[in-house]
Amino acid sequence: MLQQFERAQRYLQRIRDFYQGVPSDWSRRHEHQDDVYSFFLHCYHIRDWIVALNKVGVKQQDVDNYINNHECLRLCADLCNASKHCRLTRRSRSDMDPQLSISTHEGGTSVFQGREVEMLKSAFTIVAGERFFDVLDIAEDCMHTWDRYLQDLRQRAVERGLLAR
């Protein structure tokens, strides 16, 4: 379970870096968007790892209920499934059909590994119905929300003697 959480954390760090500016040339700007979609894919699939590695009796429906009770995870699920299947092929969890919008601009030059390089900065917005969400805010919320759930599962495992304190 932690491997998938850590993988999503690495993609979250990439998003943070894009907001600050990263060495890149303009022709590679779409890779930023690819990494954002990859974050949502890996973040949502923490769900599958929880179910597959389950040792404390949590049911798939319990995990789905948790997702459905948190707006950030509902948006995450919809962005993941829409990008994976070209469009949402089942009922939207968020009921908002979220879409990703990217804003990338040249961030000037900076010294990187001893040489001057062009910097690109990207920011992302989730457009969902009449609402707009900043991707970095949603991504951070998703990871905090999963972390709380994983902490709860760890506590249950400790209480059942499955993990040492």
C-alpha atoms as a PDB file:
ATOM      1  CA  MET A   1       0.000   0.000   0.000  1.00  0.00           C
ATOM      2  CA  LEU A   2       2.763   2.394   0.873  1.00  0.00           C
ATOM      3  CA  GLN A   3       4.472   1.893  -2.495  1.00  0.00           C
ATOM      4  CA  GLN A   4       1.444   3.289  -4.300  1.00  0.00           C
ATOM      5  CA  PHE A   5       1.093   6.150  -1.813  1.00  0.00           C
ATOM      6  CA  GLU A   6       4.777   6.993  -2.257  1.00  0.00           C
ATOM      7  CA  ARG A   7       4.430   6.837  -6.047  1.00  0.00           C
ATOM      8  CA  ALA A   8       1.567   9.332  -5.894  1.00  0.00           C
ATOM      9  CA  GLN A   9       3.685  11.502  -3.567  1.00  0.00           C
ATOM     10  CA  ARG A  10       6.437  11.628  -6.199  1.00  0.00           C
ATOM     11  CA  TYR A  11       3.949  12.829  -8.822  1.00  0.00           C
ATOM     12  CA  LEU A  12       2.630  15.391  -6.345  1.00  0.00           C
ATOM     13  CA  GLN A  13       6.180  16.696  -5.997  1.00  0.00           C
ATOM     14  CA  ARG A  14       6.381  17.063  -9.767  1.00  0.00           C
ATOM     15  CA  ILE A  15       3.217  19.181  -9.709  1.00  0.00           C
ATOM     16  CA  ARG A  16       4.704  21.343  -6.958  1.00  0.00           C
ATOM     17  CA  ASP A  17       7.841  21.742  -9.078  1.00  0.00           C
ATOM     18  CA  PHE A  18       5.820  22.750 -12.161  1.00  0.00           C
ATOM     19  CA  TYR A  19       4.192  25.528 -10.171  1.00  0.00           C
ATOM     20  CA  GLN A  20       7.642  26.794  -9.088  1.00  0.00           C
ATOM     21  CA  GLY A  21       9.256  26.368 -12.504  1.00  0.00           C
ATOM     22  CA  VAL A  22      11.356  23.562 -13.942  1.00  0.00           C
ATOM     23  CA  PRO A  23      14.133  23.426 -16.525  1.00  0.00           C
ATOM     24  CA  SER A  24      12.441  22.469 -19.768  1.00  0.00           C
ATOM     25  CA  ASP A  25      12.029  23.571 -23.323  1.00  0.00           C
ATOM     26  CA  TRP A  26       8.706  24.706 -24.718  1.00  0.00           C
ATOM     27  CA  SER A  27       8.262  21.584 -26.856  1.00  0.00           C
ATOM     28  CA  ARG A  28       8.079  19.456 -23.678  1.00  0.00           C
ATOM     29  CA  ARG A  29       5.370  21.504 -21.956  1.00  0.00           C
ATOM     30  CA  HIS A  30       2.739  18.803 -22.530  1.00  0.00           C
ATOM     31  CA  GLU A  31       4.714  16.476 -20.287  1.00  0.00           C
ATOM     32  CA  HIS A  32       3.577  18.624 -17.381  1.00  0.00           C
ATOM     33  CA  GLN A  33      -0.029  17.772 -18.187  1.00  0.00           C
ATOM     34  CA  ASP A  34       0.873  14.093 -18.586  1.00  0.00           C
ATOM     35  CA  ASP A  35       2.395  14.092 -15.112  1.00  0.00           C
ATOM     36  CA  VAL A  36      -0.702  15.724 -13.631  1.00  0.00           C
ATOM     37  CA  TYR A  37      -2.907  13.038 -15.146  1.00  0.00           C
ATOM     38  CA  SER A  38      -0.434  10.435 -13.877  1.00  0.00           C
ATOM     39  CA  PHE A  39      -0.758  11.874 -10.382  1.00  0.00           C
ATOM     40  CA  PHE A  40      -4.536  11.454 -10.435  1.00  0.00           C
ATOM     41  CA  LEU A  41      -4.232   7.948 -11.847  1.00  0.00           C
ATOM     42  CA  HIS A  42      -1.768   6.829  -9.184  1.00  0.00           C
ATOM     43  CA  CYS A  43      -3.547   8.705  -6.425  1.00  0.00           C
ATOM     44  CA  TYR A  44      -6.914   7.133  -7.202  1.00  0.00           C
ATOM     45  CA  HIS A  45      -5.361   3.678  -7.457  1.00  0.00           C
ATOM     46  CA  ILE A  46      -4.278   3.866  -3.835  1.00  0.00           C
ATOM     47  CA  ARG A  47      -7.837   2.568  -3.502  1.00  0.00           C
ATOM     48  CA  ASP A  48      -6.970  -0.641  -5.344  1.00  0.00           C
ATOM     49  CA  TRP A  49      -3.874  -1.198  -3.219  1.00  0.00           C
ATOM     50  CA  ILE A  50      -5.874  -0.772  -0.016  1.00  0.00           C
ATOM     51  CA  VAL A  51      -8.364  -3.381  -1.196  1.00  0.00           C
ATOM     52  CA  ALA A  52      -5.711  -5.791  -2.537  1.00  0.00           C
ATOM     53  CA  LEU A  53      -3.411  -5.622   0.511  1.00  0.00           C
ATOM     54  CA  ASN A  54      -6.212  -5.483   3.028  1.00  0.00           C
ATOM     55  CA  LYS A  55      -5.345  -7.113   6.346  1.00  0.00           C
ATOM     56  CA  VAL A  56      -7.849  -5.415   8.624  1.00  0.00           C
ATOM     57  CA  GLY A  57     -11.139  -6.433   7.041  1.00  0.00           C
ATOM     58  CA  VAL A  58     -11.908  -3.219   5.165  1.00  0.00           C
ATOM     59  CA  LYS A  59     -14.302  -3.880   2.301  1.00  0.00           C
ATOM     60  CA  GLN A  60     -14.082  -2.397  -1.180  1.00  0.00           C
ATOM     61  CA  GLN A  61     -17.395  -0.641  -0.509  1.00  0.00           C
ATOM     62  CA  ASP A  62     -15.892   0.939   2.637  1.00  0.00           C
ATOM     63  CA  VAL A  63     -13.080   2.432   0.562  1.00  0.00           C
ATOM     64  CA  ASP A  64     -15.534   3.590  -2.103  1.00  0.00           C
ATOM     65  CA  ASN A  65     -17.690   5.217   0.569  1.00  0.00           C
ATOM     66  CA  TYR A  66     -14.624   7.019   1.888  1.00  0.00           C
ATOM     67  CA  ILE A  67     -13.851   8.299  -1.612  1.00  0.00           C
ATOM     68  CA  ASN A  68     -17.460   9.363  -2.136  1.00  0.00           C
ATOM     69  CA  ASN A  69     -17.416  11.321   1.137  1.00  0.00           C
ATOM     70  CA  HIS A  70     -14.453  13.492   0.049  1.00  0.00           C
ATOM     71  CA  GLU A  71     -14.804  15.915  -2.849  1.00  0.00           C
ATOM     72  CA  CYS A  72     -11.093  15.880  -3.645  1.00  0.00           C
ATOM     73  CA  LEU A  73     -11.089  12.077  -4.030  1.00  0.00           C
ATOM     74  CA  ARG A  74     -14.262  12.164  -6.129  1.00  0.00           C
ATOM     75  CA  LEU A  75     -12.601  14.632  -8.503  1.00  0.00           C
ATOM     76  CA  CYS A  76      -9.469  12.490  -8.482  1.00  0.00           C
ATOM     77  CA  ALA A  77     -11.479   9.378  -9.402  1.00  0.00           C
ATOM     78  CA  ASP A  78     -13.241  11.147 -12.258  1.00  0.00           C
ATOM     79  CA  LEU A  79     -10.031  12.638 -13.685  1.00  0.00           C
ATOM     80  CA  CYS A  80      -8.329   9.246 -13.446  1.00  0.00           C
ATOM     81  CA  ASN A  81     -11.136   7.329 -15.099  1.00  0.00           C
ATOM     82  CA  ALA A  82     -11.742   9.934 -17.807  1.00  0.00           C
ATOM     83  CA  SER A  83      -8.060  10.026 -18.769  1.00  0.00           C
ATOM     84  CA  LYS A  84      -7.761   6.240 -18.659  1.00  0.00           C
ATOM     85  CA  HIS A  85     -10.890   5.539 -20.729  1.00  0.00           C
ATOM     86  CA  CYS A  86     -10.956   8.679 -22.947  1.00  0.00           C
ATOM     87  CA  ARG A  87     -14.132   9.768 -21.158  1.00  0.00           C
ATOM     88  CA  LEU A  88     -16.065   8.727 -18.096  1.00  0.00           C
ATOM     89  CA  THR A  89     -17.569   5.350 -18.921  1.00  0.00           C
ATOM     90  CA  ARG A  90     -19.532   5.019 -15.726  1.00  0.00           C
ATOM     91  CA  ARG A  91     -21.349   7.395 -13.454  1.00  0.00           C
ATOM     92  CA  SER A  92     -19.271  10.342 -12.359  1.00  0.00           C
ATOM     93  CA  ARG A  93     -18.401  10.297  -8.675  1.00  0.00           C
ATOM     94  CA  SER A  94     -18.296  14.095  -8.558  1.00  0.00           C
ATOM     95  CA  ASP A  95     -21.330  14.682 -10.799  1.00  0.00           C
ATOM     96  CA  MET A  96     -19.313  17.512 -12.374  1.00  0.00           C
ATOM     97  CA  ASP A  97     -17.456  15.923 -15.359  1.00  0.00           C
ATOM     98  CA  PRO A  98     -14.127  17.554 -14.421  1.00  0.00           C
ATOM     99  CA  GLN A  99     -11.711  18.629 -17.133  1.00  0.00           C
ATOM    100  CA  LEU A 100      -8.095  19.685 -16.801  1.00  0.00           C
ATOM    101  CA  SER A 101      -6.916  23.077 -18.026  1.00  0.00           C
ATOM    102  CA  ILE A 102      -3.231  23.994 -18.174  1.00  0.00           C
ATOM    103  CA  SER A 103      -1.520  27.344 -18.179  1.00  0.00           C
ATOM    104  CA  THR A 104       2.175  27.162 -19.052  1.00  0.00           C
ATOM    105  CA  HIS A 105       4.499  30.074 -19.585  1.00  0.00           C
ATOM    106  CA  GLU A 106       8.191  30.634 -19.937  1.00  0.00           C
ATOM    107  CA  GLY A 107       9.698  31.338 -16.557  1.00  0.00           C
ATOM    108  CA  GLY A 108      12.875  32.994 -17.774  1.00  0.00           C
ATOM    109  CA  THR A 109      16.255  31.438 -17.271  1.00  0.00           C
ATOM    110  CA  SER A 110      17.910  30.005 -14.218  1.00  0.00           C
ATOM    111  CA  VAL A 111      21.155  28.268 -13.381  1.00  0.00           C
ATOM    112  CA  PHE A 112      20.559  24.534 -13.164  1.00  0.00           C
ATOM    113  CA  GLN A 113      23.411  22.073 -12.604  1.00  0.00           C
ATOM    114  CA  GLY A 114      25.958  24.754 -13.399  1.00  0.00           C
ATOM    115  CA  ARG A 115      24.462  26.032 -16.641  1.00  0.00           C
ATOM    116  CA  GLU A 116      21.825  28.528 -17.638  1.00  0.00           C
ATOM    117  CA  VAL A 117      18.594  26.867 -18.754  1.00  0.00           C
ATOM    118  CA  GLU A 118      15.128  27.955 -19.842  1.00  0.00           C
ATOM    119  CA  MET A 119      12.487  27.510 -17.166  1.00  0.00           C
ATOM    120  CA  LEU A 120       8.821  26.675 -17.662  1.00  0.00           C
ATOM    121  CA  LYS A 121       6.128  27.265 -15.084  1.00  0.00           C
ATOM    122  CA  SER A 122       2.770  25.565 -15.237  1.00  0.00           C
ATOM    123  CA  ALA A 123      -0.413  25.926 -13.259  1.00  0.00           C
ATOM    124  CA  PHE A 124      -3.452  23.726 -13.651  1.00  0.00           C
ATOM    125  CA  THR A 125      -7.141  24.195 -13.086  1.00  0.00           C
ATOM    126  CA  ILE A 126      -9.859  21.606 -12.823  1.00  0.00           C
ATOM    127  CA  VAL A 127     -12.986  22.912 -14.508  1.00  0.00           C
ATOM    128  CA  ALA A 128     -15.934  21.016 -13.076  1.00  0.00           C
ATOM    129  CA  GLY A 129     -19.371  22.241 -14.030  1.00  0.00           C
ATOM    130  CA  GLU A 130     -19.577  25.822 -12.822  1.00  0.00           C
ATOM    131  CA  ARG A 131     -16.668  25.391 -10.394  1.00  0.00           C
ATOM    132  CA  PHE A 132     -12.922  25.821 -10.674  1.00  0.00           C
ATOM    133  CA  PHE A 133     -10.319  24.087  -8.528  1.00  0.00           C
ATOM    134  CA  ASP A 134      -6.579  24.572  -8.394  1.00  0.00           C
ATOM    135  CA  VAL A 135      -4.917  21.227  -9.181  1.00  0.00           C
ATOM    136  CA  LEU A 136      -2.173  21.637  -6.595  1.00  0.00           C
ATOM    137  CA  ASP A 137      -4.740  22.335  -3.868  1.00  0.00           C
ATOM    138  CA  ILE A 138      -6.808  19.289  -4.866  1.00  0.00           C
ATOM    139  CA  ALA A 139      -3.723  17.076  -5.161  1.00  0.00           C
ATOM    140  CA  GLU A 140      -2.500  18.123  -1.704  1.00  0.00           C
ATOM    141  CA  ASP A 141      -5.989  17.518  -0.280  1.00  0.00           C
ATOM    142  CA  CYS A 142      -6.122  14.069  -1.884  1.00  0.00           C
ATOM    143  CA  MET A 143      -2.845  12.998  -0.345  1.00  0.00           C
ATOM    144  CA  HIS A 144      -3.767  14.367   3.098  1.00  0.00           C
ATOM    145  CA  THR A 145      -7.129  12.608   2.878  1.00  0.00           C
ATOM    146  CA  TRP A 146      -5.548   9.275   1.892  1.00  0.00           C
ATOM    147  CA  ASP A 147      -2.935   9.704   4.613  1.00  0.00           C
ATOM    148  CA  ARG A 148      -5.668  10.074   7.257  1.00  0.00           C
ATOM    149  CA  TYR A 149      -7.345   6.911   5.957  1.00  0.00           C
ATOM    150  CA  LEU A 150      -4.079   4.962   5.935  1.00  0.00           C
ATOM    151  CA  GLN A 151      -3.324   6.136   9.477  1.00  0.00           C
ATOM    152  CA  ASP A 152      -6.733   4.840  10.545  1.00  0.00           C
ATOM    153  CA  LEU A 153      -6.050   1.478   8.876  1.00  0.00           C
ATOM    154  CA  ARG A 154      -2.645   1.271  10.568  1.00  0.00           C
ATOM    155  CA  GLN A 155      -4.269   2.005  13.924  1.00  0.00           C
ATOM    156  CA  ARG A 156      -6.800  -0.785  13.331  1.00  0.00           C
ATOM    157  CA  ALA A 157      -3.967  -3.174  12.453  1.00  0.00           C
ATOM    158  CA  VAL A 158      -2.103  -2.243  15.648  1.00  0.00           C
ATOM    159  CA  GLU A 159      -5.239  -2.726  17.745  1.00  0.00           C
ATOM    160  CA  ARG A 160      -5.731  -6.186  16.210  1.00  0.00           C
ATOM    161  CA  GLY A 161      -2.112  -7.131  16.820  1.00  0.00           C
ATOM    162  CA  LEU A 162      -1.288  -7.271  13.124  1.00  0.00           C
ATOM    163  CA  LEU A 163       1.331  -4.517  13.378  1.00  0.00           C
ATOM    164  CA  ALA A 164       3.669  -3.523  16.164  1.00  0.00           C
ATOM    165  CA  ARG A 165       3.178  -0.089  17.669  1.00  0.00           C
END
